[in-house]
Amino acid sequence: MPTFEVSRTLVKSPPELWEELSGDCLAQAIDGARVEPAEEAGALRWEAEGARGTAYIESSGWGTKVTLTAEVEEQVADFGLWARMRGIQPPAPRHADLEQRLEALLDDLGSAHKKPFQGK
């Protein structure tokens, strides 16, 4: 089972990041994942078809460190020997670009969504 981890320190408060991650943004980044709080403080657990992982949020100096982990199930057993011998190509992995989507999620979380001090 391939696993990976991406992390970044963002200049946002832990409650603000918790609200964003436990809302729709993590579920949208992972194509409809179910997100729920984990047993340990500052952690969210997510699960999608063929993948699962966690999001850890902890204070770190002038910001908040966000660490996203993922485990992706392999699809080797779903595609048989006879199909390979006949030259049939296996389907693309379900979550081939998951690491890039989680990196993009961290980029989005780190960008300002509101523009402070902007007048009419």
Foldseek 3Di string as FASTA:
>chain_A
DDKDKDKDWAQDDLVVVVVVCQPCLVCVLLPRWHWDADPDPQKIKTDDVQKIWMWGWADDPNTIMIMIMMDGHDCVVVDDPVCVVVVNDDDDGPPPPSVVSVVVSVVVVRDDPDDPPDDD
